[in-house]
C-alpha cells in the first residue's frame, strides 16, 4: 500500500515523484484511503504555532502513534512530519535524503495526531 513511497527522493515543496515531509504524509494517507485536506501551499510559510492551529482543524492530538495513518511531528528543528504505517513511521531520512521507514521506537517524536473522521 505505501511501500511504493519508500525510496522516493526528497525535494522541498515537491509532491510527485519527489516529495517533502508534508507531501509524503498526504500521499501515504491517500494510499491508505484516509480522508485528508491534501497539501496546502500556505503551510510552507506558517510559523510552528500556525501549523499547530491548522492541525487542530483537520485532526486531534493523541497520546502516542498507534494506528496506520497517525501523523507524527518529530522532535527536530526544523519541524518535520512522518506518518505511521505497519508499526513504523514513513519519514524523510536526512542522511540519504529519501523516504525511509523505521520502527516507531527508533525515532524521537514530539507530538502526534489522528485525522478527524470527516473533514
PDB file of N, CA and C in Angstrom:
ATOM      1  N   UNK A   1       0.824  -1.193   0.000  1.00  0.00           N
ATOM      2  CA  UNK A   1       0.000   0.000   0.000  1.00  0.00           C
ATOM      3  C   UNK A   1       0.867   1.256   0.000  1.00  0.00           C
ATOM      4  N   UNK A   2       1.800   1.373   0.941  1.00  0.00           N
ATOM      5  CA  UNK A   2       2.681   2.546   0.987  1.00  0.00           C
ATOM      6  C   UNK A   2       4.118   2.203   0.617  1.00  0.00           C
ATOM      7  N   UNK A   3       4.375   0.939   0.317  1.00  0.00           N
ATOM      8  CA  UNK A   3       5.754   0.540   0.019  1.00  0.00           C
ATOM      9  C   UNK A   3       6.319   1.292  -1.183  1.00  0.00           C
ATOM     10  N   UNK A   4       5.462   1.742  -2.103  1.00  0.00           N
ATOM     11  CA  UNK A   4       5.935   2.479  -3.275  1.00  0.00           C
ATOM     12  C   UNK A   4       6.519   3.844  -2.904  1.00  0.00           C
ATOM     13  N   UNK A   5       6.238   4.315  -1.694  1.00  0.00           N
ATOM     14  CA  UNK A   5       6.776   5.607  -1.252  1.00  0.00           C
ATOM     15  C   UNK A   5       8.221   5.496  -0.771  1.00  0.00           C
ATOM     16  N   UNK A   6       8.595   4.326  -0.267  1.00  0.00           N
ATOM     17  CA  UNK A   6       9.951   4.138   0.262  1.00  0.00           C
ATOM     18  C   UNK A   6      10.960   4.305  -0.866  1.00  0.00           C
ATOM     19  N   UNK A   7      11.937   5.145  -0.605  1.00  0.00           N
ATOM     20  CA  UNK A   7      12.983   5.405  -1.591  1.00  0.00           C
ATOM     21  C   UNK A   7      12.742   6.633  -2.449  1.00  0.00           C
ATOM     22  N   UNK A   8      11.535   7.220  -2.363  1.00  0.00           N
ATOM     23  CA  UNK A   8      11.304   8.451  -3.127  1.00  0.00           C
ATOM     24  C   UNK A   8      12.302   9.509  -2.681  1.00  0.00           C
ATOM     25  N   UNK A   9      12.787  10.250  -3.647  1.00  0.00           N
ATOM     26  CA  UNK A   9      13.776  11.286  -3.370  1.00  0.00           C
ATOM     27  C   UNK A   9      13.121  12.504  -2.720  1.00  0.00           C
ATOM     28  N   UNK A  10      13.853  13.128  -1.796  1.00  0.00           N
ATOM     29  CA  UNK A  10      13.392  14.341  -1.131  1.00  0.00           C
ATOM     30  C   UNK A  10      13.670  15.563  -1.987  1.00  0.00           C
ATOM     31  N   UNK A  11      12.698  16.446  -2.037  1.00  0.00           N
ATOM     32  CA  UNK A  11      12.889  17.774  -2.602  1.00  0.00           C
ATOM     33  C   UNK A  11      11.844  18.678  -1.965  1.00  0.00           C
ATOM     34  N   UNK A  12      12.278  19.743  -1.332  1.00  0.00           N
ATOM     35  CA  UNK A  12      11.387  20.659  -0.628  1.00  0.00           C
ATOM     36  C   UNK A  12      10.344  21.234  -1.573  1.00  0.00           C
ATOM     37  N   UNK A  13       9.079  21.165  -1.157  1.00  0.00           N
ATOM     38  CA  UNK A  13       7.989  21.734  -1.938  1.00  0.00           C
ATOM     39  C   UNK A  13       7.473  20.842  -3.046  1.00  0.00           C
ATOM     40  N   UNK A  14       8.008  19.641  -3.181  1.00  0.00           N
ATOM     41  CA  UNK A  14       7.577  18.726  -4.252  1.00  0.00           C
ATOM     42  C   UNK A  14       6.456  17.815  -3.772  1.00  0.00           C
ATOM     43  N   UNK A  15       5.623  17.379  -4.707  1.00  0.00           N
ATOM     44  CA  UNK A  15       4.507  16.496  -4.387  1.00  0.00           C
ATOM     45  C   UNK A  15       4.207  15.585  -5.570  1.00  0.00           C
ATOM     46  N   UNK A  16       5.203  14.814  -5.972  1.00  0.00           N
ATOM     47  CA  UNK A  16       5.044  13.905  -7.110  1.00  0.00           C
ATOM     48  C   UNK A  16       6.038  12.781  -6.969  1.00  0.00           C
ATOM     49  N   UNK A  17       6.924  12.649  -7.980  1.00  0.00           N
ATOM     50  CA  UNK A  17       7.971  11.630  -7.907  1.00  0.00           C
ATOM     51  C   UNK A  17       8.971  11.950  -6.796  1.00  0.00           C
ATOM     52  N   UNK A  18       9.162  13.228  -6.531  1.00  0.00           N
ATOM     53  CA  UNK A  18       9.952  13.679  -5.389  1.00  0.00           C
ATOM     54  C   UNK A  18       8.975  14.224  -4.364  1.00  0.00           C
ATOM     55  N   UNK A  19       9.340  14.139  -3.076  1.00  0.00           N
ATOM     56  CA  UNK A  19       8.428  14.574  -2.019  1.00  0.00           C
ATOM     57  C   UNK A  19       9.197  15.292  -0.916  1.00  0.00           C
ATOM     58  N   UNK A  20       8.452  16.067  -0.138  1.00  0.00           N
ATOM     59  CA  UNK A  20       8.981  16.570   1.124  1.00  0.00           C
ATOM     60  C   UNK A  20       8.146  15.912   2.213  1.00  0.00           C
ATOM     61  N   UNK A  21       8.375  16.245   3.478  1.00  0.00           N
ATOM     62  CA  UNK A  21       7.685  15.539   4.556  1.00  0.00           C
ATOM     63  C   UNK A  21       6.180  15.782   4.542  1.00  0.00           C
ATOM     64  N   UNK A  22       5.755  16.960   4.141  1.00  0.00           N
ATOM     65  CA  UNK A  22       4.318  17.250   4.103  1.00  0.00           C
ATOM     66  C   UNK A  22       3.644  16.429   3.007  1.00  0.00           C
ATOM     67  N   UNK A  23       4.190  16.465   1.814  1.00  0.00           N
ATOM     68  CA  UNK A  23       3.563  15.714   0.723  1.00  0.00           C
ATOM     69  C   UNK A  23       3.663  14.210   0.945  1.00  0.00           C
ATOM     70  N   UNK A  24       4.734  13.746   1.587  1.00  0.00           N
ATOM     71  CA  UNK A  24       4.854  12.328   1.924  1.00  0.00           C
ATOM     72  C   UNK A  24       3.675  11.879   2.782  1.00  0.00           C
ATOM     73  N   UNK A  25       3.363  12.661   3.815  1.00  0.00           N
ATOM     74  CA  UNK A  25       2.255  12.315   4.710  1.00  0.00           C
ATOM     75  C   UNK A  25       0.952  12.197   3.932  1.00  0.00           C
ATOM     76  N   UNK A  26       0.648  13.153   3.083  1.00  0.00           N
ATOM     77  CA  UNK A  26      -0.625  13.131   2.380  1.00  0.00           C
ATOM     78  C   UNK A  26      -0.666  12.068   1.286  1.00  0.00           C
ATOM     79  N   UNK A  27       0.452  11.782   0.650  1.00  0.00           N
ATOM     80  CA  UNK A  27       0.474  10.678  -0.309  1.00  0.00           C
ATOM     81  C   UNK A  27       0.235   9.352   0.411  1.00  0.00           C
ATOM     82  N   UNK A  28       0.815   9.199   1.601  1.00  0.00           N
ATOM     83  CA  UNK A  28       0.605   7.975   2.384  1.00  0.00           C
ATOM     84  C   UNK A  28      -0.854   7.864   2.827  1.00  0.00           C
ATOM     85  N   UNK A  29      -1.426   8.966   3.319  1.00  0.00           N
ATOM     86  CA  UNK A  29      -2.835   8.938   3.727  1.00  0.00           C
ATOM     87  C   UNK A  29      -3.734   8.580   2.545  1.00  0.00           C
ATOM     88  N   UNK A  30      -3.452   9.149   1.377  1.00  0.00           N
ATOM     89  CA  UNK A  30      -4.217   8.808   0.174  1.00  0.00           C
ATOM     90  C   UNK A  30      -4.120   7.304  -0.110  1.00  0.00           C
ATOM     91  N   UNK A  31      -2.908   6.755  -0.037  1.00  0.00           N
ATOM     92  CA  UNK A  31      -2.704   5.325  -0.308  1.00  0.00           C
ATOM     93  C   UNK A  31      -3.451   4.452   0.695  1.00  0.00           C
ATOM     94  N   UNK A  32      -3.612   4.953   1.926  1.00  0.00           N
ATOM     95  CA  UNK A  32      -4.325   4.203   2.963  1.00  0.00           C
ATOM     96  C   UNK A  32      -5.834   4.444   2.921  1.00  0.00           C
ATOM     97  N   UNK A  33      -6.278   5.335   2.050  1.00  0.00           N
ATOM     98  CA  UNK A  33      -7.702   5.628   1.933  1.00  0.00           C
ATOM     99  C   UNK A  33      -8.228   6.500   3.062  1.00  0.00           C
ATOM    100  N   UNK A  34      -7.349   7.291   3.667  1.00  0.00           N
ATOM    101  CA  UNK A  34      -7.742   8.162   4.774  1.00  0.00           C
ATOM    102  C   UNK A  34      -8.006   9.569   4.239  1.00  0.00           C
ATOM    103  N   UNK A  35      -9.204  10.068   4.500  1.00  0.00           N
ATOM    104  CA  UNK A  35      -9.594  11.401   4.032  1.00  0.00           C
ATOM    105  C   UNK A  35      -8.650  12.450   4.621  1.00  0.00           C
ATOM    106  N   UNK A  36      -8.224  13.390   3.788  1.00  0.00           N
ATOM    107  CA  UNK A  36      -7.300  14.440   4.227  1.00  0.00           C
ATOM    108  C   UNK A  36      -7.464  15.664   3.342  1.00  0.00           C
ATOM    109  N   UNK A  37      -6.949  16.806   3.796  1.00  0.00           N
ATOM    110  CA  UNK A  37      -7.135  18.036   3.018  1.00  0.00           C
ATOM    111  C   UNK A  37      -6.184  18.185   1.835  1.00  0.00           C
ATOM    112  N   UNK A  38      -5.183  17.328   1.725  1.00  0.00           N
ATOM    113  CA  UNK A  38      -4.176  17.499   0.683  1.00  0.00           C
ATOM    114  C   UNK A  38      -3.207  18.610   1.059  1.00  0.00           C
ATOM    115  N   UNK A  39      -2.162  18.735   0.301  1.00  0.00           N
ATOM    116  CA  UNK A  39      -1.128  19.727   0.582  1.00  0.00           C
ATOM    117  C   UNK A  39      -1.664  21.127   0.309  1.00  0.00           C
ATOM    118  N   UNK A  40      -1.452  22.020   1.249  1.00  0.00           N
ATOM    119  CA  UNK A  40      -1.843  23.428   1.112  1.00  0.00           C
ATOM    120  C   UNK A  40      -0.556  24.262   1.024  1.00  0.00           C
ATOM    121  N   UNK A  41      -0.392  25.021  -0.033  1.00  0.00           N
ATOM    122  CA  UNK A  41       0.834  25.811  -0.232  1.00  0.00           C
ATOM    123  C   UNK A  41       1.131  26.755   0.928  1.00  0.00           C
ATOM    124  N   UNK A  42       0.104  27.271   1.576  1.00  0.00           N
ATOM    125  CA  UNK A  42       0.287  28.228   2.668  1.00  0.00           C
ATOM    126  C   UNK A  42       1.033  27.612   3.854  1.00  0.00           C
ATOM    127  N   UNK A  43       0.973  26.291   4.001  1.00  0.00           N
ATOM    128  CA  UNK A  43       1.647  25.640   5.129  1.00  0.00           C
ATOM    129  C   UNK A  43       3.160  25.881   5.100  1.00  0.00           C
ATOM    130  N   UNK A  44       3.706  26.125   3.938  1.00  0.00           N
ATOM    131  CA  UNK A  44       5.152  26.315   3.816  1.00  0.00           C
ATOM    132  C   UNK A  44       5.624  27.672   4.346  1.00  0.00           C
ATOM    133  N   UNK A  45       4.683  28.570   4.614  1.00  0.00           N
ATOM    134  CA  UNK A  45       5.062  29.894   5.108  1.00  0.00           C
ATOM    135  C   UNK A  45       4.595  30.129   6.545  1.00  0.00           C
ATOM    136  N   UNK A  46       3.984  29.128   7.171  1.00  0.00           N
ATOM    137  CA  UNK A  46       3.423  29.294   8.513  1.00  0.00           C
ATOM    138  C   UNK A  46       4.462  29.086   9.610  1.00  0.00           C
ATOM    139  N   UNK A  47       4.205  29.740  10.734  1.00  0.00           N
ATOM    140  CA  UNK A  47       5.018  29.512  11.935  1.00  0.00           C
ATOM    141  C   UNK A  47       4.588  28.182  12.558  1.00  0.00           C
ATOM    142  N   UNK A  48       5.381  27.686  13.479  1.00  0.00           N
ATOM    143  CA  UNK A  48       5.042  26.445  14.177  1.00  0.00           C
ATOM    144  C   UNK A  48       3.690  26.577  14.863  1.00  0.00           C
ATOM    145  N   UNK A  49       3.428  27.696  15.483  1.00  0.00           N
ATOM    146  CA  UNK A  49       2.149  27.922  16.166  1.00  0.00           C
ATOM    147  C   UNK A  49       0.975  27.859  15.175  1.00  0.00           C
ATOM    148  N   UNK A  50       1.151  28.469  14.012  1.00  0.00           N
ATOM    149  CA  UNK A  50       0.101  28.438  12.993  1.00  0.00           C
ATOM    150  C   UNK A  50      -0.120  27.010  12.473  1.00  0.00           C
ATOM    151  N   UNK A  51       0.963  26.271  12.326  1.00  0.00           N
ATOM    152  CA  UNK A  51       0.860  24.874  11.876  1.00  0.00           C
ATOM    153  C   UNK A  51       0.056  24.063  12.890  1.00  0.00           C
ATOM    154  N   UNK A  52       0.344  24.249  14.176  1.00  0.00           N
ATOM    155  CA  UNK A  52      -0.408  23.532  15.212  1.00  0.00           C
ATOM    156  C   UNK A  52      -1.891  23.901  15.151  1.00  0.00           C
ATOM    157  N   UNK A  53      -2.204  25.145  14.858  1.00  0.00           N
ATOM    158  CA  UNK A  53      -3.598  25.560  14.696  1.00  0.00           C
ATOM    159  C   UNK A  53      -4.263  24.843  13.536  1.00  0.00           C
ATOM    160  N   UNK A  54      -3.550  24.723  12.420  1.00  0.00           N
ATOM    161  CA  UNK A  54      -4.086  24.014  11.259  1.00  0.00           C
ATOM    162  C   UNK A  54      -4.307  22.537  11.573  1.00  0.00           C
ATOM    163  N   UNK A  55      -3.378  21.953  12.313  1.00  0.00           N
ATOM    164  CA  UNK A  55      -3.511  20.544  12.675  1.00  0.00           C
ATOM    165  C   UNK A  55      -4.806  20.316  13.443  1.00  0.00           C
ATOM    166  N   UNK A  56      -5.132  21.219  14.356  1.00  0.00           N
ATOM    167  CA  UNK A  56      -6.356  21.039  15.149  1.00  0.00           C
ATOM    168  C   UNK A  56      -7.622  21.199  14.300  1.00  0.00           C
ATOM    169  N   UNK A  57      -7.502  21.822  13.135  1.00  0.00           N
ATOM    170  CA  UNK A  57      -8.636  21.928  12.214  1.00  0.00           C
ATOM    171  C   UNK A  57      -8.938  20.571  11.572  1.00  0.00           C
ATOM    172  N   UNK A  58      -7.891  19.838  11.234  1.00  0.00           N
ATOM    173  CA  UNK A  58      -8.037  18.599  10.475  1.00  0.00           C
ATOM    174  C   UNK A  58      -7.897  17.328  11.304  1.00  0.00           C
ATOM    175  N   UNK A  59      -7.326  17.455  12.497  1.00  0.00           N
ATOM    176  CA  UNK A  59      -7.088  16.266  13.297  1.00  0.00           C
ATOM    177  C   UNK A  59      -7.159  16.577  14.769  1.00  0.00           C
ATOM    178  N   UNK A  60      -6.929  15.558  15.574  1.00  0.00           N
ATOM    179  CA  UNK A  60      -6.897  15.754  17.020  1.00  0.00           C
ATOM    180  C   UNK A  60      -5.658  15.068  17.580  1.00  0.00           C
ATOM    181  N   UNK A  61      -5.136  15.658  18.643  1.00  0.00           N
ATOM    182  CA  UNK A  61      -3.917  15.157  19.268  1.00  0.00           C
ATOM    183  C   UNK A  61      -4.182  13.818  19.935  1.00  0.00           C
ATOM    184  N   UNK A  62      -3.254  12.896  19.844  1.00  0.00           N
ATOM    185  CA  UNK A  62      -3.323  11.604  20.514  1.00  0.00           C
ATOM    186  C   UNK A  62      -2.056  11.416  21.337  1.00  0.00           C
ATOM    187  N   UNK A  63      -2.159  10.567  22.350  1.00  0.00           N
ATOM    188  CA  UNK A  63      -1.048  10.339  23.279  1.00  0.00           C
ATOM    189  C   UNK A  63       0.177   9.747  22.592  1.00  0.00           C
ATOM    190  N   UNK A  64      -0.043   8.731  21.750  1.00  0.00           N
ATOM    191  CA  UNK A  64       1.078   8.117  21.042  1.00  0.00           C
ATOM    192  C   UNK A  64       0.598   7.578  19.701  1.00  0.00           C
ATOM    193  N   UNK A  65       1.506   7.459  18.748  1.00  0.00           N
ATOM    194  CA  UNK A  65       1.121   6.947  17.428  1.00  0.00           C
ATOM    195  C   UNK A  65       0.910   5.437  17.490  1.00  0.00           C
ATOM    196  N   UNK A  66      -0.268   5.008  17.071  1.00  0.00           N
ATOM    197  CA  UNK A  66      -0.618   3.591  17.177  1.00  0.00           C
ATOM    198  C   UNK A  66      -1.116   3.035  15.849  1.00  0.00           C
ATOM    199  N   UNK A  67      -1.986   3.783  15.185  1.00  0.00           N
ATOM    200  CA  UNK A  67      -2.680   3.277  14.005  1.00  0.00           C
ATOM    201  C   UNK A  67      -2.040   3.767  12.711  1.00  0.00           C
ATOM    202  N   UNK A  68      -2.149   2.946  11.673  1.00  0.00           N
ATOM    203  CA  UNK A  68      -1.727   3.390  10.350  1.00  0.00           C
ATOM    204  C   UNK A  68      -2.446   4.699  10.037  1.00  0.00           C
ATOM    205  N   UNK A  69      -1.696   5.689   9.605  1.00  0.00           N
ATOM    206  CA  UNK A  69      -2.262   6.994   9.286  1.00  0.00           C
ATOM    207  C   UNK A  69      -2.089   8.028  10.378  1.00  0.00           C
ATOM    208  N   UNK A  70      -1.675   7.608  11.595  1.00  0.00           N
ATOM    209  CA  UNK A  70      -1.370   8.607  12.624  1.00  0.00           C
ATOM    210  C   UNK A  70      -0.189   9.441  12.137  1.00  0.00           C
ATOM    211  N   UNK A  71      -0.269  10.743  12.343  1.00  0.00           N
ATOM    212  CA  UNK A  71       0.766  11.660  11.864  1.00  0.00           C
ATOM    213  C   UNK A  71       1.621  12.093  13.036  1.00  0.00           C
ATOM    214  N   UNK A  72       2.927  12.106  12.839  1.00  0.00           N
ATOM    215  CA  UNK A  72       3.843  12.498  13.907  1.00  0.00           C
ATOM    216  C   UNK A  72       4.602  13.756  13.530  1.00  0.00           C
ATOM    217  N   UNK A  73       4.893  14.539  14.553  1.00  0.00           N
ATOM    218  CA  UNK A  73       5.813  15.671  14.437  1.00  0.00           C
ATOM    219  C   UNK A  73       7.053  15.240  15.203  1.00  0.00           C
ATOM    220  N   UNK A  74       8.160  15.258  14.537  1.00  0.00           N
ATOM    221  CA  UNK A  74       9.399  14.820  15.164  1.00  0.00           C
ATOM    222  C   UNK A  74       9.971  15.879  16.092  1.00  0.00           C
ATOM    223  N   UNK A  75      10.725  15.430  17.058  1.00  0.00           N
ATOM    224  CA  UNK A  75      11.444  16.327  17.957  1.00  0.00           C
ATOM    225  C   UNK A  75      12.697  16.785  17.221  1.00  0.00           C
ATOM    226  N   UNK A  76      12.509  17.653  16.257  1.00  0.00           N
ATOM    227  CA  UNK A  76      13.618  18.110  15.418  1.00  0.00           C
ATOM    228  C   UNK A  76      13.441  19.581  15.089  1.00  0.00           C
ATOM    229  N   UNK A  77      14.518  20.163  14.629  1.00  0.00           N
ATOM    230  CA  UNK A  77      14.491  21.525  14.136  1.00  0.00           C
ATOM    231  C   UNK A  77      15.244  21.517  12.815  1.00  0.00           C
ATOM    232  N   UNK A  78      14.622  21.799  11.715  1.00  0.00           N
ATOM    233  CA  UNK A  78      13.270  22.336  11.577  1.00  0.00           C
ATOM    234  C   UNK A  78      12.209  21.257  11.809  1.00  0.00           C
ATOM    235  N   UNK A  79      10.989  21.711  11.963  1.00  0.00           N
ATOM    236  CA  UNK A  79       9.849  20.851  12.165  1.00  0.00           C
ATOM    237  C   UNK A  79       9.719  19.882  10.990  1.00  0.00           C
ATOM    238  N   UNK A  80       9.488  18.606  11.296  1.00  0.00           N
ATOM    239  CA  UNK A  80       9.333  17.603  10.245  1.00  0.00           C
ATOM    240  C   UNK A  80       8.214  16.636  10.624  1.00  0.00           C
ATOM    241  N   UNK A  81       7.562  16.100   9.605  1.00  0.00           N
ATOM    242  CA  UNK A  81       6.435  15.202   9.792  1.00  0.00           C
ATOM    243  C   UNK A  81       6.755  13.808   9.280  1.00  0.00           C
ATOM    244  N   UNK A  82       6.036  12.841   9.812  1.00  0.00           N
ATOM    245  CA  UNK A  82       6.073  11.472   9.329  1.00  0.00           C
ATOM    246  C   UNK A  82       4.693  10.879   9.516  1.00  0.00           C
ATOM    247  N   UNK A  83       4.507   9.648   9.054  1.00  0.00           N
ATOM    248  CA  UNK A  83       3.201   9.004   9.158  1.00  0.00           C
ATOM    249  C   UNK A  83       3.385   7.523   9.497  1.00  0.00           C
ATOM    250  N   UNK A  84       2.525   7.042  10.395  1.00  0.00           N
ATOM    251  CA  UNK A  84       2.601   5.651  10.832  1.00  0.00           C
ATOM    252  C   UNK A  84       2.085   4.733   9.735  1.00  0.00           C
ATOM    253  N   UNK A  85       2.826   3.651   9.528  1.00  0.00           N
ATOM    254  CA  UNK A  85       2.437   2.603   8.599  1.00  0.00           C
ATOM    255  C   UNK A  85       3.122   1.315   9.013  1.00  0.00           C
ATOM    256  N   UNK A  86       2.352   0.275   9.221  1.00  0.00           N
ATOM    257  CA  UNK A  86       2.865  -1.057   9.573  1.00  0.00           C
ATOM    258  C   UNK A  86       3.792  -1.019  10.787  1.00  0.00           C
ATOM    259  N   UNK A  87       3.331  -0.436  11.880  1.00  0.00           N
ATOM    260  CA  UNK A  87       4.053  -0.372  13.162  1.00  0.00           C
ATOM    261  C   UNK A  87       5.381   0.374  13.064  1.00  0.00           C
ATOM    262  N   UNK A  88       5.510   1.207  12.052  1.00  0.00           N
ATOM    263  CA  UNK A  88       6.694   2.039  11.888  1.00  0.00           C
ATOM    264  C   UNK A  88       6.277   3.393  11.353  1.00  0.00           C
ATOM    265  N   UNK A  89       7.275   4.196  11.011  1.00  0.00           N
ATOM    266  CA  UNK A  89       6.990   5.538  10.516  1.00  0.00           C
ATOM    267  C   UNK A  89       7.692   5.756   9.179  1.00  0.00           C
ATOM    268  N   UNK A  90       6.921   6.230   8.220  1.00  0.00           N
ATOM    269  CA  UNK A  90       7.485   6.704   6.958  1.00  0.00           C
ATOM    270  C   UNK A  90       7.918   8.141   7.188  1.00  0.00           C
ATOM    271  N   UNK A  91       9.136   8.471   6.801  1.00  0.00           N
ATOM    272  CA  UNK A  91       9.682   9.801   7.048  1.00  0.00           C
ATOM    273  C   UNK A  91      10.789  10.086   6.045  1.00  0.00           C
ATOM    274  N   UNK A  92      11.229  11.334   6.005  1.00  0.00           N
ATOM    275  CA  UNK A  92      12.365  11.703   5.158  1.00  0.00           C
ATOM    276  C   UNK A  92      13.637  11.478   5.967  1.00  0.00           C
ATOM    277  N   UNK A  93      14.455  10.559   5.518  1.00  0.00           N
ATOM    278  CA  UNK A  93      15.731  10.275   6.174  1.00  0.00           C
ATOM    279  C   UNK A  93      16.733  11.319   5.688  1.00  0.00           C
ATOM    280  N   UNK A  94      17.181  12.172   6.601  1.00  0.00           N
ATOM    281  CA  UNK A  94      18.069  13.264   6.246  1.00  0.00           C
ATOM    282  C   UNK A  94      19.448  12.830   5.798  1.00  0.00           C
ATOM    283  N   UNK A  95      19.852  11.617   6.111  1.00  0.00           N
ATOM    284  CA  UNK A  95      21.161  11.119   5.698  1.00  0.00           C
ATOM    285  C   UNK A  95      21.166  10.729   4.225  1.00  0.00           C
ATOM    286  N   UNK A  96      20.113  10.033   3.805  1.00  0.00           N
ATOM    287  CA  UNK A  96      20.054   9.571   2.415  1.00  0.00           C
ATOM    288  C   UNK A  96      19.160  10.447   1.546  1.00  0.00           C
ATOM    289  N   UNK A  97      18.444  11.406   2.193  1.00  0.00           N
ATOM    290  CA  UNK A  97      17.544  12.341   1.509  1.00  0.00           C
ATOM    291  C   UNK A  97      16.500  11.615   0.659  1.00  0.00           C
ATOM    292  N   UNK A  98      15.944  10.573   1.264  1.00  0.00           N
ATOM    293  CA  UNK A  98      14.892   9.789   0.634  1.00  0.00           C
ATOM    294  C   UNK A  98      13.901   9.338   1.702  1.00  0.00           C
ATOM    295  N   UNK A  99      12.728   8.905   1.240  1.00  0.00           N
ATOM    296  CA  UNK A  99      11.733   8.353   2.157  1.00  0.00           C
ATOM    297  C   UNK A  99      12.259   7.034   2.699  1.00  0.00           C
ATOM    298  N   UNK A 100      12.115   6.876   4.006  1.00  0.00           N
ATOM    299  CA  UNK A 100      12.597   5.690   4.699  1.00  0.00           C
ATOM    300  C   UNK A 100      11.503   5.231   5.654  1.00  0.00           C
ATOM    301  N   UNK A 101      11.688   4.068   6.245  1.00  0.00           N
ATOM    302  CA  UNK A 101      10.757   3.516   7.225  1.00  0.00           C
ATOM    303  C   UNK A 101      11.579   2.980   8.393  1.00  0.00           C
ATOM    304  N   UNK A 102      11.152   3.324   9.589  1.00  0.00           N
ATOM    305  CA  UNK A 102      11.795   2.808  10.800  1.00  0.00           C
ATOM    306  C   UNK A 102      10.703   2.439  11.793  1.00  0.00           C
ATOM    307  N   UNK A 103      10.962   1.459  12.670  1.00  0.00           N
ATOM    308  CA  UNK A 103      10.010   1.174  13.747  1.00  0.00           C
ATOM    309  C   UNK A 103       9.770   2.432  14.581  1.00  0.00           C
ATOM    310  N   UNK A 104       8.562   2.573  15.100  1.00  0.00           N
ATOM    311  CA  UNK A 104       8.179   3.769  15.849  1.00  0.00           C
ATOM    312  C   UNK A 104       9.182   4.091  16.955  1.00  0.00           C
ATOM    313  N   UNK A 105       9.655   3.089  17.654  1.00  0.00           N
ATOM    314  CA  UNK A 105      10.539   3.310  18.807  1.00  0.00           C
ATOM    315  C   UNK A 105      11.910   3.863  18.424  1.00  0.00           C
ATOM    316  N   UNK A 106      12.281   3.840  17.158  1.00  0.00           N
ATOM    317  CA  UNK A 106      13.593   4.316  16.712  1.00  0.00           C
ATOM    318  C   UNK A 106      13.674   5.829  16.548  1.00  0.00           C
ATOM    319  N   UNK A 107      12.527   6.498  16.540  1.00  0.00           N
ATOM    320  CA  UNK A 107      12.502   7.923  16.214  1.00  0.00           C
ATOM    321  C   UNK A 107      11.992   8.744  17.387  1.00  0.00           C
ATOM    322  N   UNK A 108      12.496   9.960  17.536  1.00  0.00           N
ATOM    323  CA  UNK A 108      12.079  10.866  18.613  1.00  0.00           C
ATOM    324  C   UNK A 108      10.870  11.674  18.159  1.00  0.00           C
ATOM    325  N   UNK A 109       9.756  11.467  18.839  1.00  0.00           N
ATOM    326  CA  UNK A 109       8.502  12.094  18.455  1.00  0.00           C
ATOM    327  C   UNK A 109       8.141  13.193  19.449  1.00  0.00           C
ATOM    328  N   UNK A 110       7.778  14.340  18.910  1.00  0.00           N
ATOM    329  CA  UNK A 110       7.365  15.484  19.730  1.00  0.00           C
ATOM    330  C   UNK A 110       5.877  15.431  20.048  1.00  0.00           C
ATOM    331  N   UNK A 111       5.055  15.245  19.025  1.00  0.00           N
ATOM    332  CA  UNK A 111       3.586  15.178  19.169  1.00  0.00           C
ATOM    333  C   UNK A 111       3.050  14.269  18.078  1.00  0.00           C
ATOM    334  N   UNK A 112       1.831  13.811  18.260  1.00  0.00           N
ATOM    335  CA  UNK A 112       1.189  13.030  17.207  1.00  0.00           C
ATOM    336  C   UNK A 112      -0.304  13.309  17.194  1.00  0.00           C
ATOM    337  N   UNK A 113      -0.900  13.101  16.048  1.00  0.00           N
ATOM    338  CA  UNK A 113      -2.323  13.342  15.921  1.00  0.00           C
ATOM    339  C   UNK A 113      -2.930  12.406  14.890  1.00  0.00           C
ATOM    340  N   UNK A 114      -4.227  12.341  14.915  1.00  0.00           N
ATOM    341  CA  UNK A 114      -5.000  11.477  14.035  1.00  0.00           C
ATOM    342  C   UNK A 114      -6.004  12.338  13.286  1.00  0.00           C
ATOM    343  N   UNK A 115      -6.205  12.041  12.012  1.00  0.00           N
ATOM    344  CA  UNK A 115      -7.165  12.793  11.201  1.00  0.00           C
ATOM    345  C   UNK A 115      -8.572  12.589  11.744  1.00  0.00           C
ATOM    346  N   UNK A 116      -9.392  13.638  11.661  1.00  0.00           N
ATOM    347  CA  UNK A 116     -10.795  13.537  12.044  1.00  0.00           C
ATOM    348  C   UNK A 116     -11.505  12.635  11.031  1.00  0.00           C
ATOM    349  N   UNK A 117     -12.575  12.011  11.474  1.00  0.00           N
ATOM    350  CA  UNK A 117     -13.332  11.085  10.613  1.00  0.00           C
ATOM    351  C   UNK A 117     -13.853  11.754   9.355  1.00  0.00           C
ATOM    352  N   UNK A 118     -14.362  12.963   9.480  1.00  0.00           N
ATOM    353  CA  UNK A 118     -14.860  13.662   8.295  1.00  0.00           C
ATOM    354  C   UNK A 118     -14.346  15.092   8.322  1.00  0.00           C
ATOM    355  N   UNK A 119     -13.916  15.556   7.180  1.00  0.00           N
ATOM    356  CA  UNK A 119     -13.338  16.899   7.096  1.00  0.00           C
ATOM    357  C   UNK A 119     -14.341  17.892   6.550  1.00  0.00           C
TER     358      UNK A 119
END
